[in-house]
């Protein structure tokens, strides 16, 4: 019983441990962070200190996810123990356009190879 009281007094019951991940082609980081229980996904990512490592992160427009699933409202969703928040980089090219161009290229190659 005394152990539970000590944990509550120290605030351990009110904190959660999470990971925050960011990756670029040449570098990536996964930071373990403890935040207050109820902290939003966005605030937890901000508190990670990731922007001090990757200055290009823009918290006003960044897209976030948890274990590969996009978080629609990161300012409203609270983190849970063990979550891995992923900070996504902006897309350089539209994936649909890239697939469309690749399919067109394959089609032209097949036509050129046909007897």
Protein backbone atom coordinates (compact mmCIF):
# COMPACT_ATOMS: atom_id res chain seq x y z
CA UNK A 1 0.00 0.00 0.00
CA UNK A 2 2.82 2.39 0.85
CA UNK A 3 4.35 1.74 -2.57
CA UNK A 4 1.16 2.89 -4.33
CA UNK A 5 1.09 6.07 -2.25
CA UNK A 6 4.72 6.80 -3.13
CA UNK A 7 4.00 6.30 -6.85
CA UNK A 8 1.03 8.65 -6.70
CA UNK A 9 3.03 11.26 -4.79
CA UNK A 10 5.90 11.09 -7.29
CA UNK A 11 3.49 11.52 -10.22
CA UNK A 12 4.38 8.19 -11.88
CA UNK A 13 0.72 7.25 -12.26
CA UNK A 14 0.11 10.46 -14.17
CA UNK A 15 2.80 10.01 -16.85
CA UNK A 16 2.98 7.81 -19.92
CA UNK A 17 6.02 6.66 -21.86
CA UNK A 18 5.84 7.06 -25.65
CA UNK A 19 8.15 7.16 -28.66
CA UNK A 20 8.36 9.90 -31.25
CA UNK A 21 9.83 9.01 -34.66
CA UNK A 22 10.98 11.08 -37.63
CA UNK A 23 12.87 9.89 -40.68
CA UNK A 24 14.61 11.36 -43.69
CA UNK A 25 16.31 9.28 -46.38
CA UNK A 26 19.71 9.85 -44.80
CA UNK A 27 18.82 10.02 -41.08
CA UNK A 28 16.15 8.98 -38.61
CA UNK A 29 15.51 9.25 -34.89
CA UNK A 30 13.22 7.56 -32.41
CA UNK A 31 13.07 9.35 -29.08
CA UNK A 32 11.56 7.93 -25.90
CA UNK A 33 9.60 10.61 -24.06
CA UNK A 34 7.56 10.71 -20.87
CA UNK A 35 4.58 13.06 -20.94
CA UNK A 36 1.67 13.79 -18.66
CA UNK A 37 -1.30 11.47 -19.03
CA UNK A 38 -3.87 13.19 -21.27
CA UNK A 39 -1.25 15.05 -23.36
CA UNK A 40 -2.35 15.43 -26.98
CA UNK A 41 -0.49 13.70 -29.79
CA UNK A 42 0.61 17.09 -31.16
CA UNK A 43 1.82 18.38 -27.79
CA UNK A 44 3.68 15.14 -27.07
CA UNK A 45 5.45 15.39 -30.44
CA UNK A 46 6.37 19.00 -29.68
CA UNK A 47 7.66 18.07 -26.22
CA UNK A 48 9.92 15.40 -27.72
CA UNK A 49 12.51 17.94 -28.83
CA UNK A 50 12.56 16.46 -32.34
CA UNK A 51 12.50 19.94 -33.92
CA UNK A 52 15.86 20.73 -32.30
CA UNK A 53 17.30 17.81 -34.33
CA UNK A 54 15.30 18.35 -37.54
CA UNK A 55 14.66 22.08 -37.89
CA UNK A 56 12.49 21.64 -41.00
CA UNK A 57 9.58 20.27 -38.93
CA UNK A 58 6.69 22.76 -39.04
CA UNK A 59 4.27 22.07 -36.19
CA UNK A 60 1.57 24.21 -37.85
CA UNK A 61 1.31 21.97 -40.92
CA UNK A 62 2.86 18.66 -39.90
CA UNK A 63 0.96 15.39 -40.35
CA UNK A 64 1.20 12.86 -37.50
CA UNK A 65 0.36 9.21 -37.08
CA UNK A 66 0.51 6.46 -34.48
CA UNK A 67 2.01 3.15 -35.62
CA UNK A 68 1.43 4.00 -39.29
CA UNK A 69 -2.15 5.17 -38.93
CA UNK A 70 -2.81 8.87 -39.55
CA UNK A 71 -4.17 10.88 -36.64
CA UNK A 72 -6.85 13.18 -38.03
CA UNK A 73 -6.97 15.64 -35.10
CA UNK A 74 -3.62 15.34 -33.28
CA UNK A 75 -4.39 18.36 -31.10
CA UNK A 76 -7.49 16.58 -29.76
CA UNK A 77 -6.36 12.96 -29.41
CA UNK A 78 -4.55 11.95 -26.20
CA UNK A 79 -1.52 9.66 -26.27
CA UNK A 80 -1.59 6.27 -24.60
CA UNK A 81 1.19 4.34 -22.89
CA UNK A 82 3.48 2.79 -25.50
CA UNK A 83 2.29 4.85 -28.49
CA UNK A 84 4.81 5.59 -31.23
CA UNK A 85 4.03 8.97 -32.76
CA UNK A 86 5.33 9.29 -36.30
CA UNK A 87 6.05 12.70 -37.77
CA UNK A 88 5.45 12.59 -41.52
CA UNK A 89 7.40 14.65 -44.04
CA UNK A 90 5.47 16.51 -46.75
CA UNK A 91 5.05 14.58 -49.99
CA UNK A 92 7.32 15.67 -52.81
CA UNK A 93 5.13 14.09 -55.50
CA UNK A 94 1.52 12.95 -55.56
CA UNK A 95 1.60 9.13 -55.27
CA UNK A 96 -1.37 8.77 -57.63
CA UNK A 97 0.41 10.75 -60.33
CA UNK A 98 3.60 8.72 -59.88
CA UNK A 99 1.67 5.43 -60.27
CA UNK A 100 -0.18 6.80 -63.30
CA UNK A 101 3.08 7.80 -65.02
CA UNK A 102 4.71 4.45 -64.18
CA UNK A 103 1.73 2.53 -65.63
CA UNK A 104 1.83 4.66 -68.77
CA UNK A 105 5.56 4.00 -69.19
CA UNK A 106 5.05 0.21 -68.83
CA UNK A 107 2.22 0.34 -71.37
CA UNK A 108 4.42 2.17 -73.89
CA UNK A 109 7.27 -0.32 -73.35
CA UNK A 110 4.89 -3.25 -73.98
CA UNK A 111 3.56 -1.60 -77.14
CA UNK A 112 7.08 -0.99 -78.41
CA UNK A 113 8.08 -4.62 -77.73
CA UNK A 114 5.00 -6.11 -79.40
CA UNK A 115 5.58 -7.75 -82.85
